[in-house]
Amino acid sequence: MTLSIVLGGLLVLLLLIYLVYALLKAEEF
């Protein structure tokens, strides 16, 4: 596993977490 693959995976995870957080926040309103 190279460093770029690890960084790419972390970036994808952060994007998914951000999308889920945005959806949960939108449902509160």
PDB file of N, CA and C in Angstrom:
ATOM      1  N   MET A   1       0.849  -1.202   0.000  1.00  0.00           N
ATOM      2  CA  MET A   1       0.000   0.000   0.000  1.00  0.00           C
ATOM      3  C   MET A   1       0.882   1.250   0.000  1.00  0.00           C
ATOM      4  N   THR A   2       0.658   2.084  -0.981  1.00  0.00           N
ATOM      5  CA  THR A   2       1.459   3.309  -1.052  1.00  0.00           C
ATOM      6  C   THR A   2       0.777   4.432  -0.282  1.00  0.00           C
ATOM      7  N   LEU A   3       1.532   5.486  -0.052  1.00  0.00           N
ATOM      8  CA  LEU A   3       0.992   6.614   0.721  1.00  0.00           C
ATOM      9  C   LEU A   3      -0.170   7.284  -0.006  1.00  0.00           C
ATOM     10  N   SER A   4      -0.086   7.338  -1.337  1.00  0.00           N
ATOM     11  CA  SER A   4      -1.157   7.995  -2.101  1.00  0.00           C
ATOM     12  C   SER A   4      -2.481   7.247  -1.957  1.00  0.00           C
ATOM     13  N   ILE A   5      -2.406   5.910  -1.908  1.00  0.00           N
ATOM     14  CA  ILE A   5      -3.630   5.110  -1.753  1.00  0.00           C
ATOM     15  C   ILE A   5      -4.250   5.368  -0.385  1.00  0.00           C
ATOM     16  N   VAL A   6      -3.391   5.446   0.637  1.00  0.00           N
ATOM     17  CA  VAL A   6      -3.895   5.694   1.995  1.00  0.00           C
ATOM     18  C   VAL A   6      -4.534   7.077   2.076  1.00  0.00           C
ATOM     19  N   LEU A   7      -3.858   8.078   1.511  1.00  0.00           N
ATOM     20  CA  LEU A   7      -4.405   9.445   1.542  1.00  0.00           C
ATOM     21  C   LEU A   7      -5.705   9.518   0.746  1.00  0.00           C
ATOM     22  N   GLY A   8      -5.765   8.824  -0.368  1.00  0.00           N
ATOM     23  CA  GLY A   8      -6.985   8.819  -1.177  1.00  0.00           C
ATOM     24  C   GLY A   8      -8.140   8.185  -0.416  1.00  0.00           C
ATOM     25  N   GLY A   9      -7.856   7.087   0.282  1.00  0.00           N
ATOM     26  CA  GLY A   9      -8.895   6.416   1.066  1.00  0.00           C
ATOM     27  C   GLY A   9      -9.407   7.312   2.177  1.00  0.00           C
ATOM     28  N   LEU A  10      -8.490   7.996   2.847  1.00  0.00           N
ATOM     29  CA  LEU A  10      -8.903   8.904   3.927  1.00  0.00           C
ATOM     30  C   LEU A  10      -9.745  10.045   3.373  1.00  0.00           C
ATOM     31  N   LEU A  11      -9.373  10.545   2.202  1.00  0.00           N
ATOM     32  CA  LEU A  11     -10.131  11.643   1.594  1.00  0.00           C
ATOM     33  C   LEU A  11     -11.549  11.195   1.260  1.00  0.00           C
ATOM     34  N   VAL A  12     -11.686   9.981   0.723  1.00  0.00           N
ATOM     35  CA  VAL A  12     -13.013   9.451   0.388  1.00  0.00           C
ATOM     36  C   VAL A  12     -13.845   9.280   1.656  1.00  0.00           C
ATOM     37  N   LEU A  13     -13.215   8.773   2.726  1.00  0.00           N
ATOM     38  CA  LEU A  13     -13.936   8.591   3.988  1.00  0.00           C
ATOM     39  C   LEU A  13     -14.419   9.933   4.522  1.00  0.00           C
ATOM     40  N   LEU A  14     -13.561  10.943   4.448  1.00  0.00           N
ATOM     41  CA  LEU A  14     -13.953  12.272   4.937  1.00  0.00           C
ATOM     42  C   LEU A  14     -15.128  12.812   4.127  1.00  0.00           C
ATOM     43  N   LEU A  15     -15.120  12.594   2.816  1.00  0.00           N
ATOM     44  CA  LEU A  15     -16.214  13.074   1.969  1.00  0.00           C
ATOM     45  C   LEU A  15     -17.516  12.359   2.323  1.00  0.00           C
ATOM     46  N   LEU A  16     -17.446  11.043   2.543  1.00  0.00           N
ATOM     47  CA  LEU A  16     -18.646  10.286   2.907  1.00  0.00           C
ATOM     48  C   LEU A  16     -19.200  10.758   4.242  1.00  0.00           C
ATOM     49  N   ILE A  17     -18.300  10.958   5.221  1.00  0.00           N
ATOM     50  CA  ILE A  17     -18.741  11.428   6.540  1.00  0.00           C
ATOM     51  C   ILE A  17     -19.392  12.802   6.414  1.00  0.00           C
ATOM     52  N   TYR A  18     -18.814  13.671   5.579  1.00  0.00           N
ATOM     53  CA  TYR A  18     -19.370  15.011   5.388  1.00  0.00           C
ATOM     54  C   TYR A  18     -20.759  14.939   4.749  1.00  0.00           C
ATOM     55  N   LEU A  19     -20.935  14.042   3.783  1.00  0.00           N
ATOM     56  CA  LEU A  19     -22.236  13.903   3.124  1.00  0.00           C
ATOM     57  C   LEU A  19     -23.288  13.398   4.102  1.00  0.00           C
ATOM     58  N   VAL A  20     -22.938  12.389   4.905  1.00  0.00           N
ATOM     59  CA  VAL A  20     -23.882  11.843   5.892  1.00  0.00           C
ATOM     60  C   VAL A  20     -24.241  12.915   6.915  1.00  0.00           C
ATOM     61  N   TYR A  21     -23.242  13.677   7.371  1.00  0.00           N
ATOM     62  CA  TYR A  21     -23.489  14.745   8.342  1.00  0.00           C
ATOM     63  C   TYR A  21     -24.415  15.806   7.752  1.00  0.00           C
ATOM     64  N   ALA A  22     -24.205  16.141   6.487  1.00  0.00           N
ATOM     65  CA  ALA A  22     -25.046  17.149   5.834  1.00  0.00           C
ATOM     66  C   ALA A  22     -26.483  16.642   5.703  1.00  0.00           C
ATOM     67  N   LEU A  23     -26.652  15.363   5.380  1.00  0.00           N
ATOM     68  CA  LEU A  23     -28.003  14.802   5.255  1.00  0.00           C
ATOM     69  C   LEU A  23     -28.712  14.791   6.601  1.00  0.00           C
ATOM     70  N   LEU A  24     -28.004  14.388   7.660  1.00  0.00           N
ATOM     71  CA  LEU A  24     -28.608  14.366   8.994  1.00  0.00           C
ATOM     72  C   LEU A  24     -28.974  15.776   9.433  1.00  0.00           C
ATOM     73  N   LYS A  25     -28.125  16.747   9.110  1.00  0.00           N
ATOM     74  CA  LYS A  25     -28.404  18.131   9.498  1.00  0.00           C
ATOM     75  C   LYS A  25     -29.596  18.667   8.717  1.00  0.00           C
ATOM     76  N   ALA A  26     -29.711  18.277   7.458  1.00  0.00           N
ATOM     77  CA  ALA A  26     -30.813  18.766   6.625  1.00  0.00           C
ATOM     78  C   ALA A  26     -32.146  18.205   7.121  1.00  0.00           C
ATOM     79  N   GLU A  27     -32.140  16.977   7.649  1.00  0.00           N
ATOM     80  CA  GLU A  27     -33.388  16.367   8.110  1.00  0.00           C
ATOM     81  C   GLU A  27     -33.867  16.995   9.414  1.00  0.00           C
ATOM     82  N   GLU A  28     -32.964  17.651  10.142  1.00  0.00           N
ATOM     83  CA  GLU A  28     -33.377  18.292  11.393  1.00  0.00           C
ATOM     84  C   GLU A  28     -34.319  19.453  11.109  1.00  0.00           C
ATOM     85  N   PHE A  29     -34.077  20.155   9.999  1.00  0.00           N
ATOM     86  CA  PHE A  29     -34.959  21.257   9.636  1.00  0.00           C
ATOM     87  C   PHE A  29     -36.174  20.680   8.926  1.00  0.00           C
TER      88      PHE A  29
END
